[in-house]
Amino acid sequence: MANPTRDLEIDRWISEAANGVQLAHWGLAAPLVSWFEVKGALVDPYGNDVVPYRKIRRHYDIFHYGFS
């Protein structure tokens, strides 16, 4: 998404976008889609939840940018 639209008015995302954070620009967009992807943790062979290291801070990205 090279030039995302600005469809949402979430103050913290607007602030991050104004600081040049590209994820926040994308987070403010709400394009029409015909499908979406659900993501979650993985389960190991013993039934334990496993979260890949690069996804541990996903909640931070979503809170601040609306996008992960």
C-alpha atoms as a PDB file:
ATOM      1  CA  MET A   1       0.000   0.000   0.000  1.00  0.00           C
ATOM      2  CA  ALA A   2       2.081   2.900  -1.272  1.00  0.00           C
ATOM      3  CA  ASN A   3      -0.350   5.730  -0.477  1.00  0.00           C
ATOM      4  CA  PRO A   4      -2.794   4.565   2.179  1.00  0.00           C
ATOM      5  CA  THR A   5      -6.026   6.493   2.654  1.00  0.00           C
ATOM      6  CA  ARG A   6      -6.840   8.087   6.004  1.00  0.00           C
ATOM      7  CA  ASP A   7     -10.173   6.611   7.014  1.00  0.00           C
ATOM      8  CA  LEU A   8      -9.865   6.476  10.812  1.00  0.00           C
ATOM      9  CA  GLU A   9      -9.444   9.171  13.478  1.00  0.00           C
ATOM     10  CA  ILE A  10      -7.413   7.500  16.238  1.00  0.00           C
ATOM     11  CA  ASP A  11      -5.393  10.225  17.989  1.00  0.00           C
ATOM     12  CA  ARG A  12      -2.379   8.097  18.996  1.00  0.00           C
ATOM     13  CA  TRP A  13      -2.102   6.653  15.462  1.00  0.00           C
ATOM     14  CA  ILE A  14      -2.433  10.138  13.943  1.00  0.00           C
ATOM     15  CA  SER A  15       0.347  11.330  16.262  1.00  0.00           C
ATOM     16  CA  GLU A  16       2.623   8.431  15.288  1.00  0.00           C
ATOM     17  CA  ALA A  17       1.877   9.016  11.585  1.00  0.00           C
ATOM     18  CA  ALA A  18       2.754  12.707  12.016  1.00  0.00           C
ATOM     19  CA  ASN A  19       6.113  11.541  13.437  1.00  0.00           C
ATOM     20  CA  GLY A  20       6.745   9.655  10.202  1.00  0.00           C
ATOM     21  CA  VAL A  21       5.901   6.114  11.357  1.00  0.00           C
ATOM     22  CA  GLN A  22       4.756   4.299   8.188  1.00  0.00           C
ATOM     23  CA  LEU A  23       2.921   1.577  10.158  1.00  0.00           C
ATOM     24  CA  ALA A  24       0.722   4.289  11.664  1.00  0.00           C
ATOM     25  CA  HIS A  25      -0.110   5.657   8.189  1.00  0.00           C
ATOM     26  CA  TRP A  26      -1.247   2.157   7.196  1.00  0.00           C
ATOM     27  CA  GLY A  27      -3.122   1.736  10.505  1.00  0.00           C
ATOM     28  CA  LEU A  28      -5.272   4.789   9.717  1.00  0.00           C
ATOM     29  CA  ALA A  29      -6.474   3.211   6.480  1.00  0.00           C
ATOM     30  CA  ALA A  30      -9.647   1.135   6.462  1.00  0.00           C
ATOM     31  CA  PRO A  31      -9.915  -0.131   2.889  1.00  0.00           C
ATOM     32  CA  LEU A  32     -12.792  -2.307   1.774  1.00  0.00           C
ATOM     33  CA  VAL A  33     -11.746  -5.947   1.547  1.00  0.00           C
ATOM     34  CA  SER A  34     -13.469  -9.205   0.706  1.00  0.00           C
ATOM     35  CA  TRP A  35     -11.372 -11.314   3.112  1.00  0.00           C
ATOM     36  CA  PHE A  36      -9.178 -10.953   6.172  1.00  0.00           C
ATOM     37  CA  GLU A  37      -6.542 -13.023   7.895  1.00  0.00           C
ATOM     38  CA  VAL A  38      -6.756 -14.163  11.530  1.00  0.00           C
ATOM     39  CA  LYS A  39      -3.396 -14.587  13.247  1.00  0.00           C
ATOM     40  CA  GLY A  40      -2.522 -16.125  16.563  1.00  0.00           C
ATOM     41  CA  ALA A  41       0.043 -18.090  18.515  1.00  0.00           C
ATOM     42  CA  LEU A  42       1.305 -21.525  17.646  1.00  0.00           C
ATOM     43  CA  VAL A  43       0.950 -24.729  19.669  1.00  0.00           C
ATOM     44  CA  ASP A  44       3.894 -27.089  20.094  1.00  0.00           C
ATOM     45  CA  PRO A  45       3.515 -30.908  20.035  1.00  0.00           C
ATOM     46  CA  TYR A  46       2.976 -30.872  23.831  1.00  0.00           C
ATOM     47  CA  GLY A  47       0.071 -28.412  23.737  1.00  0.00           C
ATOM     48  CA  ASN A  48       2.037 -25.360  24.909  1.00  0.00           C
ATOM     49  CA  ASP A  49       1.433 -21.946  23.341  1.00  0.00           C
ATOM     50  CA  VAL A  50       4.491 -20.726  21.451  1.00  0.00           C
ATOM     51  CA  VAL A  51       4.802 -17.134  20.276  1.00  0.00           C
ATOM     52  CA  PRO A  52       7.624 -16.431  17.816  1.00  0.00           C
ATOM     53  CA  TYR A  53      10.088 -13.861  19.161  1.00  0.00           C
ATOM     54  CA  ARG A  54       9.337 -11.252  16.490  1.00  0.00           C
ATOM     55  CA  LYS A  55       5.618 -11.355  17.400  1.00  0.00           C
ATOM     56  CA  ILE A  56       5.978 -10.822  21.157  1.00  0.00           C
ATOM     57  CA  ARG A  57       5.590  -7.041  20.795  1.00  0.00           C
ATOM     58  CA  ARG A  58       2.648  -7.284  18.364  1.00  0.00           C
ATOM     59  CA  HIS A  59       0.311  -5.781  20.997  1.00  0.00           C
ATOM     60  CA  TYR A  60       2.567  -2.709  21.157  1.00  0.00           C
ATOM     61  CA  ASP A  61       2.440  -2.221  17.392  1.00  0.00           C
ATOM     62  CA  ILE A  62      -1.344  -2.595  17.257  1.00  0.00           C
ATOM     63  CA  PHE A  63      -1.875  -0.192  20.173  1.00  0.00           C
ATOM     64  CA  HIS A  64       0.427   2.497  18.773  1.00  0.00           C
ATOM     65  CA  TYR A  65      -0.008   2.053  15.040  1.00  0.00           C
ATOM     66  CA  GLY A  66      -3.188   0.040  14.518  1.00  0.00           C
ATOM     67  CA  PHE A  67      -1.149  -2.360  12.450  1.00  0.00           C
ATOM     68  CA  SER A  68       1.175  -5.285  12.958  1.00  0.00           C
END
